[in-house]
Amino acid sequence: MSAFNLLHLVTKSQPVALRACGLPSAFRNLYHQRRTITDGSSHDLKENKRSCRDKKDCKVVFSQEELRKRLTPLQYHVTQEKGTESAFEGEYTHHKAQGIYKCVVCGTPLFKSETKFDSNSGWPSFYDVISPDAITLTDDFSYGMHRIEISCSRCGAHLGHIFDDGPRPTGKRYCTNSASLSFKPAEKSNAGEGSSSTSPAPTGKAEL
């Protein structure tokens, strides 16, 4: 069985949008020009063809021995070996509590619950990041396709991939492994403020 077919087994027979897997041509030019995310203010995506871990210049570095002790086998596989958890089985796939999603390795805040939406892809999806500097975008040509990997800018942990088929206002879909995230609930006084986005999205999204 080819690596490509193995990749699609995790969808559990869900339809796969090959267009999104291969990425539209406009998104392939991500590193050749500045793209803007608009949510009331302009955000420049952090462009980088290699993660800080690949360049060995992460702001925070943990020994592999420490990480193996601190992380679960799945968390280690996803964040350190660029693995992918099974679709629809992640802890945060259908998670709707309000709060902040952080990098499970270093604790960097990555996503707000208000930007989470149901993409029907099988993985937690967000349409924006807390800070454009929190995530690094990297070309990923694995499995014979071109995707854009997202990783933590602080420690280099693999998070997932970004696609440009998300809802408004950004049009982006940060497809993220639950195993790469930790969650900090909102303070009780703020629990009633805002809500998780339920913006509709087409079924059959490309997998991580």
N, C-alpha and C. Protein backbone atom coordinates (compact mmCIF):
# COMPACT_ATOMS: atom_id res chain seq x y z
N MET A 1 0.85 -1.19 0.00
CA MET A 1 0.00 0.00 0.00
C MET A 1 0.89 1.24 0.00
N SER A 2 0.58 2.19 -0.87
CA SER A 2 1.41 3.38 -0.98
C SER A 2 1.22 4.29 0.23
N ALA A 3 2.21 5.17 0.44
CA ALA A 3 2.14 6.12 1.55
C ALA A 3 0.94 7.04 1.37
N PHE A 4 0.61 7.35 0.11
CA PHE A 4 -0.54 8.24 -0.14
C PHE A 4 -1.83 7.58 0.33
N ASN A 5 -1.99 6.28 0.02
CA ASN A 5 -3.20 5.58 0.44
C ASN A 5 -3.25 5.42 1.95
N LEU A 6 -2.10 5.19 2.57
CA LEU A 6 -2.07 5.08 4.02
C LEU A 6 -2.52 6.38 4.66
N LEU A 7 -2.12 7.49 4.07
CA LEU A 7 -2.50 8.80 4.61
C LEU A 7 -4.01 8.95 4.62
N HIS A 8 -4.67 8.44 3.60
CA HIS A 8 -6.11 8.62 3.49
C HIS A 8 -6.92 7.64 4.32
N LEU A 9 -6.27 6.61 4.87
CA LEU A 9 -6.99 5.68 5.72
C LEU A 9 -7.53 6.35 6.97
N VAL A 10 -6.83 7.39 7.44
CA VAL A 10 -7.24 8.05 8.67
C VAL A 10 -8.55 8.82 8.51
N THR A 11 -8.99 9.00 7.30
CA THR A 11 -10.25 9.72 7.11
C THR A 11 -11.46 8.85 7.40
N LYS A 12 -11.23 7.53 7.63
CA LYS A 12 -12.33 6.61 7.95
C LYS A 12 -13.45 6.71 6.91
N SER A 13 -13.03 6.58 5.65
CA SER A 13 -13.97 6.54 4.53
C SER A 13 -14.66 7.87 4.27
N GLN A 14 -14.20 8.95 4.93
CA GLN A 14 -14.77 10.26 4.65
C GLN A 14 -14.26 10.73 3.29
N PRO A 15 -15.05 11.45 2.52
CA PRO A 15 -14.59 11.95 1.22
C PRO A 15 -13.45 12.93 1.40
N VAL A 16 -12.51 12.91 0.47
CA VAL A 16 -11.34 13.77 0.56
C VAL A 16 -11.30 14.73 -0.61
N ALA A 17 -11.10 15.99 -0.33
CA ALA A 17 -11.01 16.99 -1.38
C ALA A 17 -9.58 17.04 -1.88
N LEU A 18 -9.29 16.40 -3.01
CA LEU A 18 -7.93 16.36 -3.51
C LEU A 18 -7.43 17.74 -3.88
N ARG A 19 -8.35 18.63 -4.30
CA ARG A 19 -7.93 19.99 -4.63
C ARG A 19 -7.29 20.65 -3.43
N ALA A 20 -7.92 20.45 -2.25
CA ALA A 20 -7.38 21.05 -1.04
C ALA A 20 -6.09 20.37 -0.63
N CYS A 21 -5.99 19.05 -0.85
CA CYS A 21 -4.76 18.33 -0.50
C CYS A 21 -3.59 18.88 -1.30
N GLY A 22 -3.84 19.10 -2.61
CA GLY A 22 -2.78 19.57 -3.47
C GLY A 22 -2.52 21.05 -3.33
N LEU A 23 -3.47 21.77 -2.78
CA LEU A 23 -3.43 23.21 -2.59
C LEU A 23 -3.64 23.96 -3.89
N PRO A 24 -4.48 24.96 -3.86
CA PRO A 24 -4.69 25.81 -5.03
C PRO A 24 -3.39 26.50 -5.41
N SER A 25 -3.24 26.83 -6.68
CA SER A 25 -1.99 27.44 -7.15
C SER A 25 -1.69 28.74 -6.44
N ALA A 26 -2.73 29.49 -6.08
CA ALA A 26 -2.51 30.77 -5.41
C ALA A 26 -1.80 30.58 -4.08
N PHE A 27 -2.10 29.45 -3.40
CA PHE A 27 -1.50 29.24 -2.09
C PHE A 27 -0.07 28.77 -2.21
N ARG A 28 0.31 28.22 -3.39
CA ARG A 28 1.68 27.77 -3.57
C ARG A 28 2.64 28.96 -3.60
N ASN A 29 2.08 30.13 -3.89
CA ASN A 29 2.92 31.33 -3.97
C ASN A 29 3.03 32.04 -2.63
N LEU A 30 2.66 31.34 -1.55
CA LEU A 30 2.61 31.96 -0.23
C LEU A 30 3.93 32.59 0.16
N TYR A 31 5.04 31.97 -0.23
CA TYR A 31 6.34 32.46 0.19
C TYR A 31 6.95 33.47 -0.77
N HIS A 32 6.25 33.72 -1.87
CA HIS A 32 6.79 34.66 -2.83
C HIS A 32 6.21 36.06 -2.66
N GLN A 33 5.22 36.18 -1.79
CA GLN A 33 4.64 37.49 -1.53
C GLN A 33 3.96 37.48 -0.17
N ARG A 34 3.82 38.65 0.42
CA ARG A 34 3.13 38.78 1.69
C ARG A 34 1.64 38.57 1.51
N ARG A 35 1.06 37.71 2.37
CA ARG A 35 -0.38 37.53 2.37
C ARG A 35 -0.92 38.23 3.62
N THR A 36 -2.16 38.68 3.58
CA THR A 36 -2.75 39.39 4.70
C THR A 36 -3.96 38.65 5.23
N ILE A 37 -4.03 38.51 6.56
CA ILE A 37 -5.21 37.96 7.22
C ILE A 37 -5.94 39.13 7.83
N THR A 38 -7.22 39.24 7.57
CA THR A 38 -7.97 40.38 8.07
C THR A 38 -9.07 39.95 9.02
N ASP A 39 -9.01 40.43 10.25
CA ASP A 39 -10.07 40.17 11.22
C ASP A 39 -10.32 41.46 12.00
N GLY A 40 -10.30 42.56 11.26
CA GLY A 40 -10.45 43.86 11.89
C GLY A 40 -9.11 44.57 11.92
N SER A 41 -8.04 43.82 11.79
CA SER A 41 -6.71 44.39 11.72
C SER A 41 -5.90 43.50 10.79
N SER A 42 -4.81 44.04 10.25
CA SER A 42 -4.00 43.28 9.31
C SER A 42 -2.96 42.46 10.04
N HIS A 43 -2.87 41.19 9.66
CA HIS A 43 -1.88 40.29 10.23
C HIS A 43 -1.01 39.76 9.09
N ASP A 44 0.29 39.86 9.22
CA ASP A 44 1.18 39.27 8.23
C ASP A 44 1.53 37.87 8.69
N LEU A 45 1.27 36.88 7.84
CA LEU A 45 1.66 35.52 8.18
C LEU A 45 3.17 35.45 8.25
N LYS A 46 3.66 34.67 9.21
CA LYS A 46 5.10 34.52 9.34
C LYS A 46 5.59 33.55 8.29
N GLU A 47 6.38 34.04 7.36
CA GLU A 47 6.83 33.22 6.26
C GLU A 47 8.21 32.65 6.56
N ASN A 48 8.35 31.35 6.39
CA ASN A 48 9.61 30.70 6.69
C ASN A 48 9.61 29.34 6.03
N LYS A 49 10.60 29.03 5.24
CA LYS A 49 10.61 27.76 4.54
C LYS A 49 11.09 26.61 5.41
N ARG A 50 11.58 26.90 6.61
CA ARG A 50 11.97 25.85 7.55
C ARG A 50 11.56 26.28 8.94
N SER A 51 11.17 25.31 9.76
CA SER A 51 10.80 25.62 11.14
C SER A 51 12.05 25.93 11.93
N CYS A 52 11.87 26.53 13.11
CA CYS A 52 13.03 26.88 13.93
C CYS A 52 13.79 25.63 14.36
N ARG A 53 13.07 24.51 14.51
CA ARG A 53 13.74 23.28 14.91
C ARG A 53 14.64 22.76 13.79
N ASP A 54 14.17 22.90 12.55
CA ASP A 54 14.99 22.50 11.41
C ASP A 54 16.25 23.36 11.34
N LYS A 55 16.11 24.63 11.70
CA LYS A 55 17.25 25.54 11.65
C LYS A 55 18.04 25.56 12.95
N LYS A 56 17.53 24.80 13.94
CA LYS A 56 18.20 24.69 15.24
C LYS A 56 18.35 26.05 15.93
N ASP A 57 17.34 26.90 15.81
CA ASP A 57 17.41 28.19 16.49
C ASP A 57 16.11 28.52 17.22
N CYS A 58 15.45 27.50 17.76
CA CYS A 58 14.22 27.73 18.51
C CYS A 58 14.51 28.51 19.78
N LYS A 59 13.54 29.32 20.19
CA LYS A 59 13.71 30.10 21.42
C LYS A 59 13.75 29.20 22.64
N VAL A 60 13.03 28.08 22.58
CA VAL A 60 12.99 27.13 23.68
C VAL A 60 13.36 25.76 23.14
N VAL A 61 14.32 25.11 23.79
CA VAL A 61 14.78 23.80 23.35
C VAL A 61 14.65 22.81 24.50
N PHE A 62 14.02 21.68 24.22
CA PHE A 62 13.87 20.62 25.21
C PHE A 62 14.62 19.39 24.72
N SER A 63 15.21 18.66 25.63
CA SER A 63 15.89 17.42 25.25
C SER A 63 14.84 16.38 24.89
N GLN A 64 15.19 15.49 23.99
CA GLN A 64 14.26 14.43 23.60
C GLN A 64 13.93 13.53 24.79
N GLU A 65 14.90 13.35 25.66
CA GLU A 65 14.67 12.53 26.86
C GLU A 65 13.58 13.15 27.73
N GLU A 66 13.67 14.48 27.92
CA GLU A 66 12.67 15.17 28.72
C GLU A 66 11.29 15.08 28.08
N LEU A 67 11.24 15.27 26.78
CA LEU A 67 9.95 15.25 26.09
C LEU A 67 9.31 13.87 26.12
N ARG A 68 10.11 12.83 26.02
CA ARG A 68 9.55 11.48 26.07
C ARG A 68 8.94 11.18 27.44
N LYS A 69 9.49 11.79 28.46
CA LYS A 69 8.97 11.60 29.81
C LYS A 69 7.71 12.44 30.04
N ARG A 70 7.71 13.63 29.48
CA ARG A 70 6.64 14.59 29.75
C ARG A 70 5.42 14.42 28.85
N LEU A 71 5.64 14.00 27.62
CA LEU A 71 4.54 13.87 26.66
C LEU A 71 4.06 12.43 26.56
N THR A 72 2.82 12.27 26.13
CA THR A 72 2.31 10.93 25.85
C THR A 72 2.97 10.45 24.55
N PRO A 73 2.96 9.15 24.29
CA PRO A 73 3.54 8.66 23.03
C PRO A 73 2.94 9.34 21.80
N LEU A 74 1.63 9.58 21.82
CA LEU A 74 0.99 10.23 20.68
C LEU A 74 1.42 11.68 20.56
N GLN A 75 1.47 12.39 21.69
CA GLN A 75 1.91 13.79 21.66
C GLN A 75 3.33 13.90 21.13
N TYR A 76 4.18 12.99 21.55
CA TYR A 76 5.57 13.01 21.08
C TYR A 76 5.63 12.73 19.58
N HIS A 77 4.89 11.72 19.14
CA HIS A 77 4.90 11.35 17.73
C HIS A 77 4.43 12.50 16.84
N VAL A 78 3.37 13.17 17.27
CA VAL A 78 2.81 14.26 16.47
C VAL A 78 3.73 15.47 16.47
N THR A 79 4.15 15.92 17.64
CA THR A 79 4.91 17.17 17.73
C THR A 79 6.37 17.04 17.33
N GLN A 80 6.98 15.88 17.58
CA GLN A 80 8.41 15.73 17.33
C GLN A 80 8.72 14.95 16.06
N GLU A 81 7.79 14.11 15.64
CA GLU A 81 8.03 13.28 14.45
C GLU A 81 7.06 13.62 13.32
N LYS A 82 6.35 14.72 13.46
CA LYS A 82 5.41 15.20 12.44
C LYS A 82 4.37 14.15 12.09
N GLY A 83 3.88 13.48 13.12
CA GLY A 83 2.85 12.47 12.91
C GLY A 83 1.47 13.10 12.82
N THR A 84 0.47 12.26 12.59
CA THR A 84 -0.92 12.70 12.50
C THR A 84 -1.82 11.76 13.28
N GLU A 85 -2.63 12.31 14.15
CA GLU A 85 -3.56 11.48 14.92
C GLU A 85 -4.72 11.04 14.03
N SER A 86 -5.41 9.99 14.44
CA SER A 86 -6.55 9.49 13.66
C SER A 86 -7.67 10.52 13.61
N ALA A 87 -8.31 10.60 12.48
CA ALA A 87 -9.41 11.55 12.30
C ALA A 87 -10.56 11.27 13.25
N PHE A 88 -11.13 12.33 13.78
CA PHE A 88 -12.31 12.30 14.65
C PHE A 88 -12.04 11.65 16.02
N GLU A 89 -10.80 11.36 16.35
CA GLU A 89 -10.50 10.74 17.63
C GLU A 89 -9.75 11.66 18.58
N GLY A 90 -9.38 12.85 18.13
CA GLY A 90 -8.64 13.78 18.96
C GLY A 90 -9.49 14.37 20.08
N GLU A 91 -8.85 14.68 21.18
CA GLU A 91 -9.55 15.21 22.36
C GLU A 91 -10.30 16.50 22.07
N TYR A 92 -9.77 17.34 21.19
CA TYR A 92 -10.36 18.66 20.97
C TYR A 92 -11.14 18.79 19.65
N THR A 93 -11.35 17.69 18.96
CA THR A 93 -12.06 17.76 17.68
C THR A 93 -13.44 18.39 17.82
N HIS A 94 -14.19 17.94 18.82
CA HIS A 94 -15.55 18.46 19.04
C HIS A 94 -15.62 19.30 20.32
N HIS A 95 -14.48 19.76 20.77
CA HIS A 95 -14.39 20.54 22.01
C HIS A 95 -14.99 21.92 21.79
N LYS A 96 -15.89 22.35 22.69
CA LYS A 96 -16.57 23.63 22.50
C LYS A 96 -16.40 24.60 23.67
N ALA A 97 -15.62 24.21 24.66
CA ALA A 97 -15.42 25.10 25.81
C ALA A 97 -14.67 26.36 25.38
N GLN A 98 -14.89 27.43 26.13
CA GLN A 98 -14.23 28.69 25.83
C GLN A 98 -12.90 28.78 26.54
N GLY A 99 -11.92 29.30 25.84
CA GLY A 99 -10.59 29.43 26.43
C GLY A 99 -9.53 29.56 25.36
N ILE A 100 -8.30 29.21 25.74
CA ILE A 100 -7.15 29.35 24.86
C ILE A 100 -6.51 27.99 24.60
N TYR A 101 -6.20 27.72 23.34
CA TYR A 101 -5.48 26.51 22.96
C TYR A 101 -4.00 26.85 22.86
N LYS A 102 -3.17 26.07 23.57
CA LYS A 102 -1.74 26.33 23.62
C LYS A 102 -0.94 25.18 23.04
N CYS A 103 0.33 25.46 22.75
CA CYS A 103 1.25 24.41 22.31
C CYS A 103 1.47 23.47 23.49
N VAL A 104 1.28 22.18 23.27
CA VAL A 104 1.40 21.21 24.36
C VAL A 104 2.85 21.06 24.82
N VAL A 105 3.80 21.45 23.99
CA VAL A 105 5.21 21.30 24.33
C VAL A 105 5.73 22.46 25.17
N CYS A 106 5.47 23.70 24.72
CA CYS A 106 6.06 24.85 25.41
C CYS A 106 5.03 25.80 26.02
N GLY A 107 3.75 25.59 25.77
CA GLY A 107 2.73 26.43 26.39
C GLY A 107 2.43 27.74 25.69
N THR A 108 2.97 27.94 24.50
CA THR A 108 2.70 29.18 23.77
C THR A 108 1.23 29.26 23.35
N PRO A 109 0.53 30.36 23.64
CA PRO A 109 -0.86 30.53 23.20
C PRO A 109 -0.93 30.56 21.67
N LEU A 110 -1.80 29.75 21.10
CA LEU A 110 -1.90 29.64 19.65
C LEU A 110 -3.25 30.08 19.09
N PHE A 111 -4.34 29.56 19.65
CA PHE A 111 -5.67 29.83 19.11
C PHE A 111 -6.67 30.17 20.21
N LYS A 112 -7.63 31.02 19.88
CA LYS A 112 -8.75 31.30 20.78
C LYS A 112 -9.93 30.42 20.38
N SER A 113 -10.71 30.04 21.37
CA SER A 113 -11.87 29.19 21.09
C SER A 113 -12.86 29.88 20.15
N GLU A 114 -12.89 31.22 20.18
CA GLU A 114 -13.82 31.96 19.31
C GLU A 114 -13.53 31.74 17.83
N THR A 115 -12.30 31.33 17.50
CA THR A 115 -11.95 31.13 16.09
C THR A 115 -12.02 29.67 15.68
N LYS A 116 -12.48 28.81 16.56
CA LYS A 116 -12.61 27.38 16.25
C LYS A 116 -13.93 27.14 15.51
N PHE A 117 -13.90 26.29 14.51
CA PHE A 117 -15.12 25.99 13.76
C PHE A 117 -15.12 24.53 13.34
N ASP A 118 -16.29 24.04 13.02
CA ASP A 118 -16.44 22.64 12.62
C ASP A 118 -16.21 22.53 11.12
N SER A 119 -15.06 21.96 10.75
CA SER A 119 -14.70 21.85 9.34
C SER A 119 -15.10 20.50 8.75
N ASN A 120 -15.59 19.59 9.61
CA ASN A 120 -15.94 18.23 9.16
C ASN A 120 -14.74 17.49 8.59
N SER A 121 -13.54 17.89 9.01
CA SER A 121 -12.33 17.24 8.51
C SER A 121 -11.85 16.13 9.43
N GLY A 122 -12.28 16.19 10.71
CA GLY A 122 -11.83 15.19 11.67
C GLY A 122 -10.76 15.68 12.61
N TRP A 123 -10.33 16.94 12.42
CA TRP A 123 -9.32 17.53 13.29
C TRP A 123 -9.77 18.93 13.73
N PRO A 124 -9.30 19.40 14.88
CA PRO A 124 -9.64 20.76 15.32
C PRO A 124 -9.23 21.77 14.25
N SER A 125 -10.11 22.68 13.94
CA SER A 125 -9.84 23.68 12.91
C SER A 125 -10.11 25.08 13.43
N PHE A 126 -9.24 25.99 13.07
CA PHE A 126 -9.35 27.39 13.49
C PHE A 126 -9.17 28.27 12.26
N TYR A 127 -9.83 29.43 12.25
CA TYR A 127 -9.68 30.32 11.10
C TYR A 127 -8.70 31.46 11.35
N ASP A 128 -8.12 31.52 12.55
CA ASP A 128 -7.11 32.56 12.81
C ASP A 128 -6.25 32.16 14.00
N VAL A 129 -5.11 32.79 14.11
CA VAL A 129 -4.19 32.55 15.22
C VAL A 129 -4.24 33.74 16.18
N ILE A 130 -3.79 33.50 17.41
CA ILE A 130 -3.75 34.59 18.39
C ILE A 130 -2.75 35.65 17.95
N SER A 131 -1.60 35.20 17.49
CA SER A 131 -0.55 36.11 17.02
C SER A 131 0.12 35.49 15.80
N PRO A 132 0.34 36.26 14.74
CA PRO A 132 1.00 35.71 13.56
C PRO A 132 2.41 35.23 13.85
N ASP A 133 3.02 35.75 14.91
CA ASP A 133 4.38 35.33 15.26
C ASP A 133 4.41 34.00 16.01
N ALA A 134 3.25 33.50 16.42
CA ALA A 134 3.21 32.27 17.21
C ALA A 134 3.40 31.02 16.36
N ILE A 135 3.11 31.14 15.08
CA ILE A 135 3.15 29.98 14.19
C ILE A 135 4.04 30.25 12.98
N THR A 136 4.82 29.25 12.60
CA THR A 136 5.68 29.33 11.43
C THR A 136 5.11 28.45 10.32
N LEU A 137 5.13 28.95 9.10
CA LEU A 137 4.64 28.21 7.94
C LEU A 137 5.82 27.64 7.17
N THR A 138 5.73 26.37 6.81
CA THR A 138 6.84 25.69 6.15
C THR A 138 6.34 24.85 4.99
N ASP A 139 7.01 24.91 3.85
CA ASP A 139 6.67 24.06 2.73
C ASP A 139 6.80 22.59 3.12
N ASP A 140 5.81 21.80 2.78
CA ASP A 140 5.82 20.36 3.08
C ASP A 140 5.47 19.61 1.79
N PHE A 141 6.44 18.85 1.27
CA PHE A 141 6.24 18.12 0.03
C PHE A 141 6.11 16.61 0.27
N SER A 142 5.79 16.22 1.49
CA SER A 142 5.65 14.80 1.81
C SER A 142 4.44 14.19 1.12
N TYR A 143 4.45 12.89 0.94
CA TYR A 143 3.34 12.13 0.35
C TYR A 143 3.01 12.57 -1.07
N GLY A 144 3.98 13.15 -1.74
CA GLY A 144 3.78 13.51 -3.14
C GLY A 144 2.85 14.67 -3.38
N MET A 145 2.67 15.51 -2.38
CA MET A 145 1.80 16.68 -2.55
C MET A 145 2.45 17.90 -1.89
N HIS A 146 1.94 19.06 -2.20
CA HIS A 146 2.47 20.29 -1.61
C HIS A 146 1.45 20.85 -0.63
N ARG A 147 1.85 20.88 0.64
CA ARG A 147 1.02 21.48 1.67
C ARG A 147 1.87 22.48 2.45
N ILE A 148 1.23 23.23 3.33
CA ILE A 148 1.94 24.18 4.17
C ILE A 148 1.82 23.71 5.62
N GLU A 149 2.93 23.31 6.20
CA GLU A 149 2.96 22.85 7.58
C GLU A 149 2.89 24.04 8.53
N ILE A 150 2.20 23.88 9.65
CA ILE A 150 2.23 24.90 10.69
C ILE A 150 2.94 24.30 11.90
N SER A 151 3.86 25.08 12.47
CA SER A 151 4.59 24.63 13.65
C SER A 151 4.71 25.77 14.64
N CYS A 152 4.94 25.44 15.88
CA CYS A 152 5.10 26.45 16.93
C CYS A 152 6.40 27.21 16.70
N SER A 153 6.33 28.52 16.63
CA SER A 153 7.52 29.33 16.38
C SER A 153 8.48 29.32 17.56
N ARG A 154 7.98 29.01 18.74
CA ARG A 154 8.82 29.07 19.94
C ARG A 154 9.63 27.80 20.14
N CYS A 155 9.02 26.62 19.91
CA CYS A 155 9.74 25.37 20.16
C CYS A 155 9.85 24.47 18.94
N GLY A 156 9.17 24.83 17.85
CA GLY A 156 9.26 24.04 16.63
C GLY A 156 8.35 22.84 16.57
N ALA A 157 7.45 22.67 17.54
CA ALA A 157 6.55 21.51 17.55
C ALA A 157 5.64 21.51 16.33
N HIS A 158 5.49 20.35 15.72
CA HIS A 158 4.57 20.21 14.58
C HIS A 158 3.14 20.31 15.09
N LEU A 159 2.33 21.11 14.40
CA LEU A 159 0.93 21.31 14.79
C LEU A 159 -0.04 20.69 13.79
N GLY A 160 0.22 20.89 12.51
CA GLY A 160 -0.68 20.40 11.47
C GLY A 160 -0.38 21.10 10.16
N HIS A 161 -1.43 21.52 9.44
CA HIS A 161 -1.26 22.21 8.16
C HIS A 161 -2.32 23.30 8.02
N ILE A 162 -2.04 24.25 7.15
CA ILE A 162 -2.98 25.34 6.90
C ILE A 162 -3.47 25.24 5.46
N PHE A 163 -4.78 25.48 5.28
CA PHE A 163 -5.40 25.48 3.96
C PHE A 163 -6.18 26.78 3.80
N ASP A 164 -6.41 27.16 2.57
CA ASP A 164 -7.14 28.43 2.35
C ASP A 164 -8.59 28.17 1.95
N ASP A 165 -9.23 27.21 2.65
CA ASP A 165 -10.64 26.93 2.39
C ASP A 165 -11.48 27.11 3.66
N GLY A 166 -11.03 27.99 4.54
CA GLY A 166 -11.75 28.24 5.78
C GLY A 166 -12.83 29.30 5.62
N PRO A 167 -13.56 29.59 6.69
CA PRO A 167 -14.65 30.57 6.64
C PRO A 167 -14.14 32.01 6.74
N ARG A 168 -15.03 32.94 6.54
CA ARG A 168 -14.69 34.35 6.75
C ARG A 168 -14.43 34.59 8.23
N PRO A 169 -13.65 35.61 8.58
CA PRO A 169 -13.14 36.66 7.71
C PRO A 169 -11.80 36.37 7.07
N THR A 170 -11.11 35.29 7.47
CA THR A 170 -9.75 35.05 6.98
C THR A 170 -9.69 34.14 5.77
N GLY A 171 -10.65 33.21 5.67
CA GLY A 171 -10.61 32.24 4.59
C GLY A 171 -9.57 31.16 4.82
N LYS A 172 -8.99 31.12 6.02
CA LYS A 172 -7.94 30.14 6.34
C LYS A 172 -8.49 29.03 7.23
N ARG A 173 -7.87 27.86 7.11
CA ARG A 173 -8.22 26.74 7.99
C ARG A 173 -6.93 26.16 8.56
N TYR A 174 -6.69 26.44 9.83
CA TYR A 174 -5.54 25.86 10.52
C TYR A 174 -5.97 24.49 11.03
N CYS A 175 -5.63 23.45 10.29
CA CYS A 175 -6.02 22.08 10.61
C CYS A 175 -4.98 21.51 11.58
N THR A 176 -5.37 21.30 12.82
CA THR A 176 -4.43 21.06 13.90
C THR A 176 -4.70 19.75 14.63
N ASN A 177 -3.64 19.06 15.01
CA ASN A 177 -3.77 17.84 15.81
C ASN A 177 -4.13 18.18 17.25
N SER A 178 -5.09 17.49 17.82
CA SER A 178 -5.40 17.68 19.24
C SER A 178 -4.19 17.38 20.10
N ALA A 179 -3.40 16.38 19.67
CA ALA A 179 -2.24 15.95 20.45
C ALA A 179 -1.16 17.02 20.55
N SER A 180 -1.23 18.03 19.71
CA SER A 180 -0.24 19.11 19.76
C SER A 180 -0.72 20.27 20.61
N LEU A 181 -1.92 20.14 21.17
CA LEU A 181 -2.52 21.25 21.91
C LEU A 181 -2.78 20.92 23.38
N SER A 182 -2.78 21.96 24.19
CA SER A 182 -3.31 21.89 25.56
C SER A 182 -4.35 22.99 25.63
N PHE A 183 -5.20 22.95 26.63
CA PHE A 183 -6.30 23.92 26.68
C PHE A 183 -6.38 24.58 28.04
N LYS A 184 -6.49 25.91 28.03
CA LYS A 184 -6.68 26.68 29.26
C LYS A 184 -8.09 27.27 29.22
N PRO A 185 -8.98 26.81 30.11
CA PRO A 185 -10.36 27.33 30.12
C PRO A 185 -10.39 28.83 30.43
N ALA A 186 -11.40 29.50 29.91
CA ALA A 186 -11.57 30.92 30.19
C ALA A 186 -11.94 31.11 31.65
N GLU A 187 -11.59 32.26 32.20
CA GLU A 187 -11.97 32.58 33.57
C GLU A 187 -13.49 32.58 33.69
N LYS A 188 -14.00 32.18 34.84
CA LYS A 188 -15.45 32.09 35.01
C LYS A 188 -16.15 33.40 34.70
N SER A 189 -15.52 34.51 35.04
CA SER A 189 -16.14 35.81 34.81
C SER A 189 -16.29 36.10 33.32
N ASN A 190 -15.46 35.39 32.50
CA ASN A 190 -15.52 35.62 31.07
C ASN A 190 -16.19 34.47 30.33
N ALA A 191 -16.68 33.50 31.09
CA ALA A 191 -17.23 32.29 30.46
C ALA A 191 -18.40 32.57 29.55
N GLY A 192 -19.15 33.65 29.84
CA GLY A 192 -20.32 33.94 29.02
C GLY A 192 -20.04 34.85 27.86
N GLU A 193 -18.80 35.30 27.72
CA GLU A 193 -18.45 36.22 26.66
C GLU A 193 -17.98 35.47 25.44
N GLY A 194 -18.58 35.75 24.30
CA GLY A 194 -18.16 35.12 23.06
C GLY A 194 -18.63 33.69 23.00
N SER A 195 -18.38 33.05 21.91
CA SER A 195 -18.73 31.65 21.74
C SER A 195 -17.91 31.06 20.62
N SER A 196 -17.78 29.74 20.64
CA SER A 196 -17.02 29.08 19.59
C SER A 196 -17.74 29.26 18.27
N SER A 197 -16.98 29.54 17.23
CA SER A 197 -17.59 29.74 15.93
C SER A 197 -18.14 28.44 15.38
N THR A 198 -19.29 28.52 14.75
CA THR A 198 -19.87 27.34 14.13
C THR A 198 -20.09 27.62 12.64
N SER A 199 -19.18 28.41 12.07
CA SER A 199 -19.31 28.76 10.67
C SER A 199 -19.35 27.50 9.83
N PRO A 200 -20.28 27.38 8.89
CA PRO A 200 -20.37 26.17 8.08
C PRO A 200 -19.17 26.05 7.17
N ALA A 201 -18.74 24.82 6.93
CA ALA A 201 -17.63 24.58 6.02
C ALA A 201 -17.96 23.34 5.20
N PRO A 202 -17.47 23.27 3.98
CA PRO A 202 -17.77 22.13 3.13
C PRO A 202 -17.26 20.84 3.74
N THR A 203 -17.93 19.73 3.48
CA THR A 203 -17.47 18.43 3.96
C THR A 203 -16.34 17.94 3.08
N GLY A 204 -15.65 16.91 3.56
CA GLY A 204 -14.58 16.32 2.76
C GLY A 204 -13.33 17.16 2.72
N LYS A 205 -12.98 17.80 3.83
CA LYS A 205 -11.78 18.60 3.87
C LYS A 205 -10.54 17.71 3.79
N ALA A 206 -9.46 18.27 3.29
CA ALA A 206 -8.21 17.53 3.22
C ALA A 206 -7.71 17.25 4.62
N GLU A 207 -7.08 16.14 4.77
CA GLU A 207 -6.59 15.77 6.09
C GLU A 207 -5.22 16.37 6.35
N LEU A 208 -4.81 16.29 7.63
CA LEU A 208 -3.49 16.75 8.01
C LEU A 208 -2.44 16.01 7.22
